[in-house]
Amino acid sequence: MSENFRTAIDRINFILVAAVMCISYACANEAITVSDAWIKQGHANAGTLAGYMTISNNSGKEVVLREISGDHFEKIEIHRIEMQGDLMKMIPLDGLMIPAGESVHLQPGIIHLMMIGPVNLPQRGGTVDVVLHFDNGSRVNSSMILKNHENSPEHHH
């Protein structure tokens, strides 16, 4: 083989490896997706709001949502609603498992995000950015739309 031919083959190999790495990175970032993300907008002085979304795990391995962060809240927790006798209790969760190839729906009356200490929220129809942190090290950015509480399913905190 000539030196020029060998150099050309090396360049092609490098390009192919780089392309595979880029595709793998893009696929890994799309393994977890968020859709239908919204916040039930409360009254002007509400200290907590509830957030909902669908989290889909398109990978072959389960992942656990460990943390949610966002600049517009002091703290965001994952809560599950549970009946204990005649009382409805909100139970904070340390994590939320998203099984491989499945979706988990955070919805009123079941599992939701407890969004504590809202700060500088936009008006109804505006969006708030949050970051979901998973146990595998991945992070997913999501924009959550603020919906008027009269137009969303009834849910009180």
N, C-alpha and C. Protein backbone atom coordinates (compact mmCIF):
# COMPACT_ATOMS: atom_id res chain seq x y z
N MET A 1 0.83 -1.18 0.00
CA MET A 1 0.00 0.00 0.00
C MET A 1 0.87 1.24 0.00
N SER A 2 0.42 2.23 -0.73
CA SER A 2 1.15 3.48 -0.74
C SER A 2 0.85 4.27 0.54
N GLU A 3 1.73 5.18 0.84
CA GLU A 3 1.57 6.00 2.05
C GLU A 3 0.32 6.86 1.95
N ASN A 4 0.00 7.39 0.78
CA ASN A 4 -1.20 8.22 0.61
C ASN A 4 -2.46 7.39 0.83
N PHE A 5 -2.45 6.16 0.31
CA PHE A 5 -3.62 5.29 0.48
C PHE A 5 -3.81 4.96 1.96
N ARG A 6 -2.73 4.64 2.66
CA ARG A 6 -2.80 4.32 4.09
C ARG A 6 -3.30 5.53 4.89
N THR A 7 -2.84 6.72 4.57
CA THR A 7 -3.29 7.94 5.25
C THR A 7 -4.78 8.16 5.00
N ALA A 8 -5.22 7.91 3.79
CA ALA A 8 -6.64 8.06 3.46
C ALA A 8 -7.48 7.07 4.25
N ILE A 9 -7.04 5.83 4.37
CA ILE A 9 -7.76 4.80 5.14
C ILE A 9 -7.81 5.21 6.62
N ASP A 10 -6.69 5.70 7.15
CA ASP A 10 -6.66 6.15 8.55
C ASP A 10 -7.65 7.28 8.79
N ARG A 11 -7.73 8.20 7.84
CA ARG A 11 -8.68 9.32 7.98
C ARG A 11 -10.12 8.83 7.93
N ILE A 12 -10.41 7.90 7.05
CA ILE A 12 -11.76 7.34 6.94
C ILE A 12 -12.11 6.61 8.24
N ASN A 13 -11.18 5.82 8.76
CA ASN A 13 -11.42 5.12 10.03
C ASN A 13 -11.69 6.11 11.16
N PHE A 14 -10.91 7.19 11.22
CA PHE A 14 -11.12 8.19 12.25
C PHE A 14 -12.50 8.81 12.13
N ILE A 15 -12.90 9.14 10.92
CA ILE A 15 -14.22 9.74 10.70
C ILE A 15 -15.32 8.77 11.09
N LEU A 16 -15.18 7.49 10.75
CA LEU A 16 -16.19 6.50 11.11
C LEU A 16 -16.30 6.33 12.63
N VAL A 17 -15.16 6.26 13.31
CA VAL A 17 -15.18 6.13 14.77
C VAL A 17 -15.82 7.37 15.40
N ALA A 18 -15.47 8.54 14.91
CA ALA A 18 -16.06 9.78 15.45
C ALA A 18 -17.56 9.81 15.21
N ALA A 19 -18.00 9.37 14.04
CA ALA A 19 -19.43 9.35 13.74
C ALA A 19 -20.17 8.38 14.66
N VAL A 20 -19.61 7.21 14.89
CA VAL A 20 -20.24 6.24 15.79
C VAL A 20 -20.32 6.79 17.20
N MET A 21 -19.27 7.47 17.66
CA MET A 21 -19.28 8.06 18.99
C MET A 21 -20.36 9.14 19.10
N CYS A 22 -20.50 9.97 18.09
CA CYS A 22 -21.51 11.03 18.10
C CYS A 22 -22.91 10.43 18.10
N ILE A 23 -23.13 9.42 17.29
CA ILE A 23 -24.44 8.77 17.24
C ILE A 23 -24.73 8.11 18.59
N SER A 24 -23.76 7.45 19.18
CA SER A 24 -23.96 6.81 20.48
C SER A 24 -24.31 7.85 21.53
N TYR A 25 -23.63 8.98 21.54
CA TYR A 25 -23.90 10.04 22.50
C TYR A 25 -25.31 10.58 22.30
N ALA A 26 -25.70 10.82 21.06
CA ALA A 26 -27.04 11.34 20.77
C ALA A 26 -28.10 10.34 21.21
N CYS A 27 -27.88 9.07 20.94
CA CYS A 27 -28.85 8.04 21.34
C CYS A 27 -28.95 7.94 22.85
N ALA A 28 -27.82 8.05 23.54
CA ALA A 28 -27.84 7.97 25.00
C ALA A 28 -28.63 9.12 25.59
N ASN A 29 -28.49 10.33 25.00
CA ASN A 29 -29.22 11.48 25.50
C ASN A 29 -30.71 11.39 25.20
N GLU A 30 -31.10 10.63 24.21
CA GLU A 30 -32.51 10.49 23.88
C GLU A 30 -33.11 9.23 24.51
N ALA A 31 -32.32 8.49 25.28
CA ALA A 31 -32.83 7.29 25.91
C ALA A 31 -33.91 7.62 26.92
N ILE A 32 -33.81 8.80 27.54
CA ILE A 32 -34.82 9.25 28.50
C ILE A 32 -35.41 10.54 27.95
N THR A 33 -36.72 10.55 27.79
CA THR A 33 -37.39 11.74 27.28
C THR A 33 -38.50 12.17 28.22
N VAL A 34 -38.82 13.45 28.16
CA VAL A 34 -39.89 14.02 28.97
C VAL A 34 -40.90 14.65 28.04
N SER A 35 -42.18 14.40 28.32
CA SER A 35 -43.26 15.01 27.52
C SER A 35 -44.37 15.46 28.45
N ASP A 36 -45.27 16.27 27.93
CA ASP A 36 -46.44 16.75 28.66
C ASP A 36 -46.08 17.30 30.03
N ALA A 37 -45.02 18.10 30.10
CA ALA A 37 -44.57 18.66 31.38
C ALA A 37 -45.31 19.96 31.66
N TRP A 38 -45.98 20.01 32.82
CA TRP A 38 -46.72 21.22 33.18
C TRP A 38 -46.77 21.40 34.69
N ILE A 39 -47.03 22.64 35.08
CA ILE A 39 -47.14 23.01 36.49
C ILE A 39 -48.53 23.59 36.69
N LYS A 40 -49.19 23.13 37.72
CA LYS A 40 -50.49 23.68 38.08
C LYS A 40 -50.24 25.00 38.79
N GLN A 41 -50.50 26.10 38.08
CA GLN A 41 -50.24 27.42 38.63
C GLN A 41 -51.19 27.69 39.79
N GLY A 42 -50.63 28.06 40.91
CA GLY A 42 -51.44 28.35 42.10
C GLY A 42 -51.75 29.82 42.21
N HIS A 43 -52.22 30.19 43.37
CA HIS A 43 -52.50 31.59 43.65
C HIS A 43 -51.18 32.34 43.80
N ALA A 44 -51.22 33.65 43.72
CA ALA A 44 -50.02 34.48 43.70
C ALA A 44 -49.07 34.21 44.88
N ASN A 45 -49.61 33.91 46.05
CA ASN A 45 -48.73 33.71 47.21
C ASN A 45 -48.60 32.23 47.61
N ALA A 46 -48.86 31.33 46.69
CA ALA A 46 -48.75 29.89 46.98
C ALA A 46 -47.29 29.55 47.28
N GLY A 47 -47.08 28.81 48.38
CA GLY A 47 -45.72 28.42 48.77
C GLY A 47 -45.25 27.14 48.08
N THR A 48 -46.21 26.36 47.56
CA THR A 48 -45.87 25.14 46.82
C THR A 48 -46.77 25.02 45.61
N LEU A 49 -46.24 24.40 44.60
CA LEU A 49 -47.00 24.10 43.39
C LEU A 49 -46.79 22.63 43.06
N ALA A 50 -47.66 22.09 42.23
CA ALA A 50 -47.52 20.69 41.81
C ALA A 50 -47.14 20.64 40.34
N GLY A 51 -46.22 19.74 40.01
CA GLY A 51 -45.77 19.57 38.63
C GLY A 51 -46.02 18.16 38.15
N TYR A 52 -46.28 18.04 36.86
CA TYR A 52 -46.63 16.76 36.26
C TYR A 52 -45.90 16.60 34.93
N MET A 53 -45.67 15.36 34.54
CA MET A 53 -45.00 15.07 33.27
C MET A 53 -45.05 13.58 33.00
N THR A 54 -44.66 13.21 31.81
CA THR A 54 -44.45 11.82 31.46
C THR A 54 -42.97 11.63 31.18
N ILE A 55 -42.37 10.66 31.87
CA ILE A 55 -40.95 10.35 31.67
C ILE A 55 -40.86 9.00 30.99
N SER A 56 -40.26 8.96 29.81
CA SER A 56 -40.13 7.72 29.04
C SER A 56 -38.68 7.27 29.02
N ASN A 57 -38.50 5.98 29.29
CA ASN A 57 -37.17 5.37 29.27
C ASN A 57 -37.11 4.47 28.03
N ASN A 58 -36.46 4.95 27.00
CA ASN A 58 -36.37 4.22 25.74
C ASN A 58 -35.14 3.32 25.67
N SER A 59 -34.47 3.16 26.81
CA SER A 59 -33.26 2.33 26.84
C SER A 59 -33.60 0.91 27.26
N GLY A 60 -32.59 0.08 27.31
CA GLY A 60 -32.76 -1.31 27.72
C GLY A 60 -32.50 -1.54 29.20
N LYS A 61 -32.26 -0.45 29.96
CA LYS A 61 -31.97 -0.57 31.38
C LYS A 61 -32.86 0.38 32.17
N GLU A 62 -33.29 -0.07 33.34
CA GLU A 62 -34.08 0.82 34.19
C GLU A 62 -33.20 1.96 34.68
N VAL A 63 -33.81 3.10 34.93
CA VAL A 63 -33.12 4.25 35.51
C VAL A 63 -33.96 4.76 36.67
N VAL A 64 -33.32 5.48 37.57
CA VAL A 64 -34.02 6.04 38.71
C VAL A 64 -33.83 7.55 38.70
N LEU A 65 -34.95 8.27 38.70
CA LEU A 65 -34.91 9.72 38.83
C LEU A 65 -34.56 10.03 40.29
N ARG A 66 -33.45 10.71 40.52
CA ARG A 66 -32.97 10.98 41.87
C ARG A 66 -33.23 12.40 42.33
N GLU A 67 -33.23 13.34 41.38
CA GLU A 67 -33.32 14.74 41.77
C GLU A 67 -33.87 15.55 40.62
N ILE A 68 -34.55 16.64 40.95
CA ILE A 68 -35.03 17.60 39.97
C ILE A 68 -34.57 18.96 40.47
N SER A 69 -34.02 19.75 39.59
CA SER A 69 -33.58 21.08 39.99
C SER A 69 -34.12 22.11 39.01
N GLY A 70 -34.26 23.33 39.49
CA GLY A 70 -34.73 24.42 38.65
C GLY A 70 -34.51 25.75 39.35
N ASP A 71 -34.19 26.78 38.59
CA ASP A 71 -33.88 28.09 39.15
C ASP A 71 -35.08 28.79 39.78
N HIS A 72 -36.29 28.38 39.42
CA HIS A 72 -37.49 29.07 39.90
C HIS A 72 -38.07 28.48 41.19
N PHE A 73 -37.37 27.52 41.79
CA PHE A 73 -37.87 26.88 43.02
C PHE A 73 -36.73 26.67 44.00
N GLU A 74 -37.04 26.84 45.29
CA GLU A 74 -36.04 26.56 46.32
C GLU A 74 -35.69 25.08 46.34
N LYS A 75 -36.70 24.24 46.14
CA LYS A 75 -36.50 22.80 46.18
C LYS A 75 -37.62 22.13 45.40
N ILE A 76 -37.31 21.00 44.76
CA ILE A 76 -38.32 20.20 44.06
C ILE A 76 -38.18 18.77 44.56
N GLU A 77 -39.30 18.21 45.03
CA GLU A 77 -39.32 16.85 45.55
C GLU A 77 -40.29 15.99 44.74
N ILE A 78 -40.08 14.69 44.79
CA ILE A 78 -41.00 13.73 44.18
C ILE A 78 -41.91 13.22 45.30
N HIS A 79 -43.21 13.29 45.08
CA HIS A 79 -44.17 12.83 46.10
C HIS A 79 -45.15 11.82 45.51
N ARG A 80 -45.54 10.88 46.36
CA ARG A 80 -46.58 9.90 46.01
C ARG A 80 -47.74 10.12 46.98
N ILE A 81 -48.96 10.08 46.46
CA ILE A 81 -50.15 10.21 47.29
C ILE A 81 -50.57 8.82 47.73
N GLU A 82 -50.84 8.69 49.02
CA GLU A 82 -51.20 7.39 49.59
C GLU A 82 -52.34 7.59 50.59
N MET A 83 -53.31 6.70 50.53
CA MET A 83 -54.40 6.75 51.51
C MET A 83 -53.96 5.98 52.75
N GLN A 84 -54.09 6.61 53.91
CA GLN A 84 -53.81 5.96 55.19
C GLN A 84 -55.08 6.13 56.03
N GLY A 85 -55.91 5.08 55.99
CA GLY A 85 -57.22 5.17 56.62
C GLY A 85 -58.08 6.14 55.83
N ASP A 86 -58.60 7.15 56.50
CA ASP A 86 -59.42 8.16 55.84
C ASP A 86 -58.61 9.37 55.38
N LEU A 87 -57.31 9.35 55.63
CA LEU A 87 -56.46 10.49 55.31
C LEU A 87 -55.62 10.24 54.07
N MET A 88 -55.53 11.29 53.26
CA MET A 88 -54.66 11.25 52.09
C MET A 88 -53.33 11.87 52.50
N LYS A 89 -52.24 11.11 52.37
CA LYS A 89 -50.91 11.58 52.76
C LYS A 89 -50.02 11.71 51.54
N MET A 90 -49.15 12.70 51.58
CA MET A 90 -48.13 12.84 50.55
C MET A 90 -46.83 12.29 51.10
N ILE A 91 -46.30 11.29 50.44
CA ILE A 91 -45.09 10.62 50.88
C ILE A 91 -43.92 11.04 49.97
N PRO A 92 -42.89 11.71 50.53
CA PRO A 92 -41.72 12.05 49.71
C PRO A 92 -40.98 10.77 49.29
N LEU A 93 -40.52 10.74 48.06
CA LEU A 93 -39.77 9.59 47.54
C LEU A 93 -38.31 9.98 47.35
N ASP A 94 -37.41 9.03 47.64
CA ASP A 94 -35.99 9.25 47.41
C ASP A 94 -35.63 9.14 45.93
N GLY A 95 -36.46 8.44 45.18
CA GLY A 95 -36.23 8.25 43.76
C GLY A 95 -37.47 7.68 43.11
N LEU A 96 -37.49 7.75 41.80
CA LEU A 96 -38.61 7.22 41.04
C LEU A 96 -38.05 6.35 39.92
N MET A 97 -38.33 5.03 40.00
CA MET A 97 -37.81 4.09 39.01
C MET A 97 -38.61 4.22 37.71
N ILE A 98 -37.87 4.29 36.60
CA ILE A 98 -38.47 4.28 35.27
C ILE A 98 -37.98 2.99 34.62
N PRO A 99 -38.85 1.96 34.52
CA PRO A 99 -38.42 0.67 33.96
C PRO A 99 -37.97 0.81 32.50
N ALA A 100 -37.09 -0.09 32.09
CA ALA A 100 -36.60 -0.11 30.70
C ALA A 100 -37.77 -0.24 29.74
N GLY A 101 -37.78 0.60 28.72
CA GLY A 101 -38.79 0.52 27.67
C GLY A 101 -40.17 0.97 28.10
N GLU A 102 -40.29 1.64 29.24
CA GLU A 102 -41.62 2.06 29.73
C GLU A 102 -41.64 3.54 30.04
N SER A 103 -42.85 4.03 30.32
CA SER A 103 -43.06 5.42 30.71
C SER A 103 -43.73 5.47 32.07
N VAL A 104 -43.41 6.50 32.83
CA VAL A 104 -44.06 6.75 34.10
C VAL A 104 -44.75 8.11 33.99
N HIS A 105 -46.01 8.13 34.39
CA HIS A 105 -46.82 9.33 34.28
C HIS A 105 -46.98 9.97 35.66
N LEU A 106 -46.45 11.16 35.82
CA LEU A 106 -46.69 11.92 37.04
C LEU A 106 -47.97 12.68 36.80
N GLN A 107 -48.98 12.39 37.62
CA GLN A 107 -50.31 12.97 37.38
C GLN A 107 -51.01 13.25 38.69
N PRO A 108 -51.99 14.15 38.66
CA PRO A 108 -52.71 14.52 39.88
C PRO A 108 -53.28 13.30 40.59
N GLY A 109 -53.13 13.30 41.91
CA GLY A 109 -53.70 12.26 42.74
C GLY A 109 -52.87 11.00 42.85
N ILE A 110 -51.71 10.94 42.17
CA ILE A 110 -50.89 9.73 42.22
C ILE A 110 -49.46 10.11 42.58
N ILE A 111 -48.65 10.42 41.60
CA ILE A 111 -47.26 10.85 41.80
C ILE A 111 -47.12 12.22 41.17
N HIS A 112 -46.43 13.12 41.84
CA HIS A 112 -46.25 14.47 41.31
C HIS A 112 -44.94 15.07 41.83
N LEU A 113 -44.58 16.19 41.26
CA LEU A 113 -43.44 16.96 41.75
C LEU A 113 -43.98 18.01 42.71
N MET A 114 -43.44 18.05 43.91
CA MET A 114 -43.78 19.10 44.87
C MET A 114 -42.75 20.19 44.66
N MET A 115 -43.21 21.32 44.14
CA MET A 115 -42.32 22.41 43.76
C MET A 115 -42.42 23.49 44.84
N ILE A 116 -41.40 23.54 45.68
CA ILE A 116 -41.42 24.31 46.92
C ILE A 116 -40.70 25.65 46.74
N GLY A 117 -41.33 26.70 47.26
CA GLY A 117 -40.71 28.03 47.25
C GLY A 117 -40.55 28.62 45.86
N PRO A 118 -41.66 28.79 45.12
CA PRO A 118 -41.53 29.38 43.77
C PRO A 118 -40.99 30.81 43.83
N VAL A 119 -40.12 31.14 42.87
CA VAL A 119 -39.49 32.46 42.79
C VAL A 119 -39.54 32.95 41.35
N ASN A 120 -40.03 34.16 41.17
CA ASN A 120 -40.03 34.82 39.85
C ASN A 120 -40.63 33.95 38.75
N LEU A 121 -41.81 33.41 38.98
CA LEU A 121 -42.46 32.58 37.96
C LEU A 121 -43.04 33.45 36.86
N PRO A 122 -43.01 32.96 35.63
CA PRO A 122 -43.65 33.70 34.55
C PRO A 122 -45.17 33.62 34.68
N GLN A 123 -45.86 34.39 33.88
CA GLN A 123 -47.32 34.37 33.86
C GLN A 123 -47.82 33.05 33.28
N ARG A 124 -49.11 32.79 33.47
CA ARG A 124 -49.75 31.60 32.90
C ARG A 124 -49.39 31.49 31.42
N GLY A 125 -49.08 30.28 31.00
CA GLY A 125 -48.68 30.04 29.61
C GLY A 125 -47.18 30.12 29.41
N GLY A 126 -46.47 30.70 30.38
CA GLY A 126 -45.02 30.77 30.32
C GLY A 126 -44.41 29.43 30.69
N THR A 127 -43.11 29.32 30.52
CA THR A 127 -42.44 28.06 30.83
C THR A 127 -41.35 28.25 31.87
N VAL A 128 -41.07 27.17 32.57
CA VAL A 128 -40.02 27.10 33.57
C VAL A 128 -39.13 25.91 33.21
N ASP A 129 -37.83 26.13 33.18
CA ASP A 129 -36.89 25.05 32.85
C ASP A 129 -36.48 24.31 34.12
N VAL A 130 -36.46 22.98 34.02
CA VAL A 130 -35.99 22.13 35.10
C VAL A 130 -35.01 21.11 34.52
N VAL A 131 -34.21 20.52 35.41
CA VAL A 131 -33.27 19.48 35.01
C VAL A 131 -33.56 18.24 35.85
N LEU A 132 -33.76 17.11 35.18
CA LEU A 132 -33.97 15.83 35.85
C LEU A 132 -32.63 15.11 35.91
N HIS A 133 -32.26 14.64 37.11
CA HIS A 133 -30.98 13.97 37.34
C HIS A 133 -31.25 12.49 37.64
N PHE A 134 -30.62 11.60 36.89
CA PHE A 134 -30.84 10.17 37.02
C PHE A 134 -29.64 9.47 37.64
N ASP A 135 -29.89 8.28 38.18
CA ASP A 135 -28.84 7.52 38.87
C ASP A 135 -27.71 7.08 37.95
N ASN A 136 -27.93 7.04 36.65
CA ASN A 136 -26.88 6.63 35.72
C ASN A 136 -26.01 7.81 35.28
N GLY A 137 -26.24 8.97 35.91
CA GLY A 137 -25.44 10.15 35.59
C GLY A 137 -26.04 11.03 34.51
N SER A 138 -27.07 10.56 33.84
CA SER A 138 -27.65 11.37 32.77
C SER A 138 -28.54 12.46 33.35
N ARG A 139 -28.66 13.51 32.58
CA ARG A 139 -29.51 14.66 32.92
C ARG A 139 -30.38 14.96 31.73
N VAL A 140 -31.62 15.31 32.02
CA VAL A 140 -32.55 15.65 30.95
C VAL A 140 -33.15 17.02 31.27
N ASN A 141 -33.04 17.94 30.33
CA ASN A 141 -33.64 19.27 30.47
C ASN A 141 -35.08 19.22 29.99
N SER A 142 -35.94 19.94 30.69
CA SER A 142 -37.34 19.98 30.28
C SER A 142 -37.90 21.37 30.58
N SER A 143 -38.79 21.83 29.72
CA SER A 143 -39.53 23.06 29.95
C SER A 143 -40.93 22.68 30.38
N MET A 144 -41.37 23.24 31.50
CA MET A 144 -42.69 22.96 32.03
C MET A 144 -43.55 24.20 31.86
N ILE A 145 -44.73 24.03 31.28
CA ILE A 145 -45.64 25.14 31.04
C ILE A 145 -46.52 25.37 32.27
N LEU A 146 -46.75 26.63 32.62
CA LEU A 146 -47.63 26.96 33.73
C LEU A 146 -49.06 27.03 33.21
N LYS A 147 -49.93 26.23 33.83
CA LYS A 147 -51.34 26.21 33.43
C LYS A 147 -52.18 26.79 34.56
N ASN A 148 -53.24 27.47 34.18
CA ASN A 148 -54.17 28.05 35.14
C ASN A 148 -54.80 26.95 35.97
N HIS A 149 -54.82 27.13 37.28
CA HIS A 149 -55.34 26.07 38.16
C HIS A 149 -56.81 25.78 37.92
N GLU A 150 -57.58 26.72 37.40
CA GLU A 150 -58.99 26.44 37.12
C GLU A 150 -59.17 25.52 35.92
N ASN A 151 -58.14 25.47 35.05
CA ASN A 151 -58.25 24.65 33.83
C ASN A 151 -57.50 23.34 33.91
N SER A 152 -57.06 22.96 35.10
CA SER A 152 -56.33 21.72 35.24
C SER A 152 -57.06 20.83 36.25
N PRO A 153 -56.75 19.55 36.27
CA PRO A 153 -57.42 18.66 37.21
C PRO A 153 -57.26 19.14 38.65
N GLU A 154 -58.28 18.97 39.45
CA GLU A 154 -58.28 19.43 40.83
C GLU A 154 -57.28 18.67 41.67
N HIS A 155 -56.46 19.39 42.39
CA HIS A 155 -55.45 18.78 43.25
C HIS A 155 -55.01 19.82 44.25
N HIS A 156 -55.10 19.54 45.52
CA HIS A 156 -54.72 20.49 46.55
C HIS A 156 -53.53 20.03 47.34
N HIS A 157 -52.69 20.96 47.75
CA HIS A 157 -51.57 20.68 48.65
C HIS A 157 -51.83 21.39 49.95
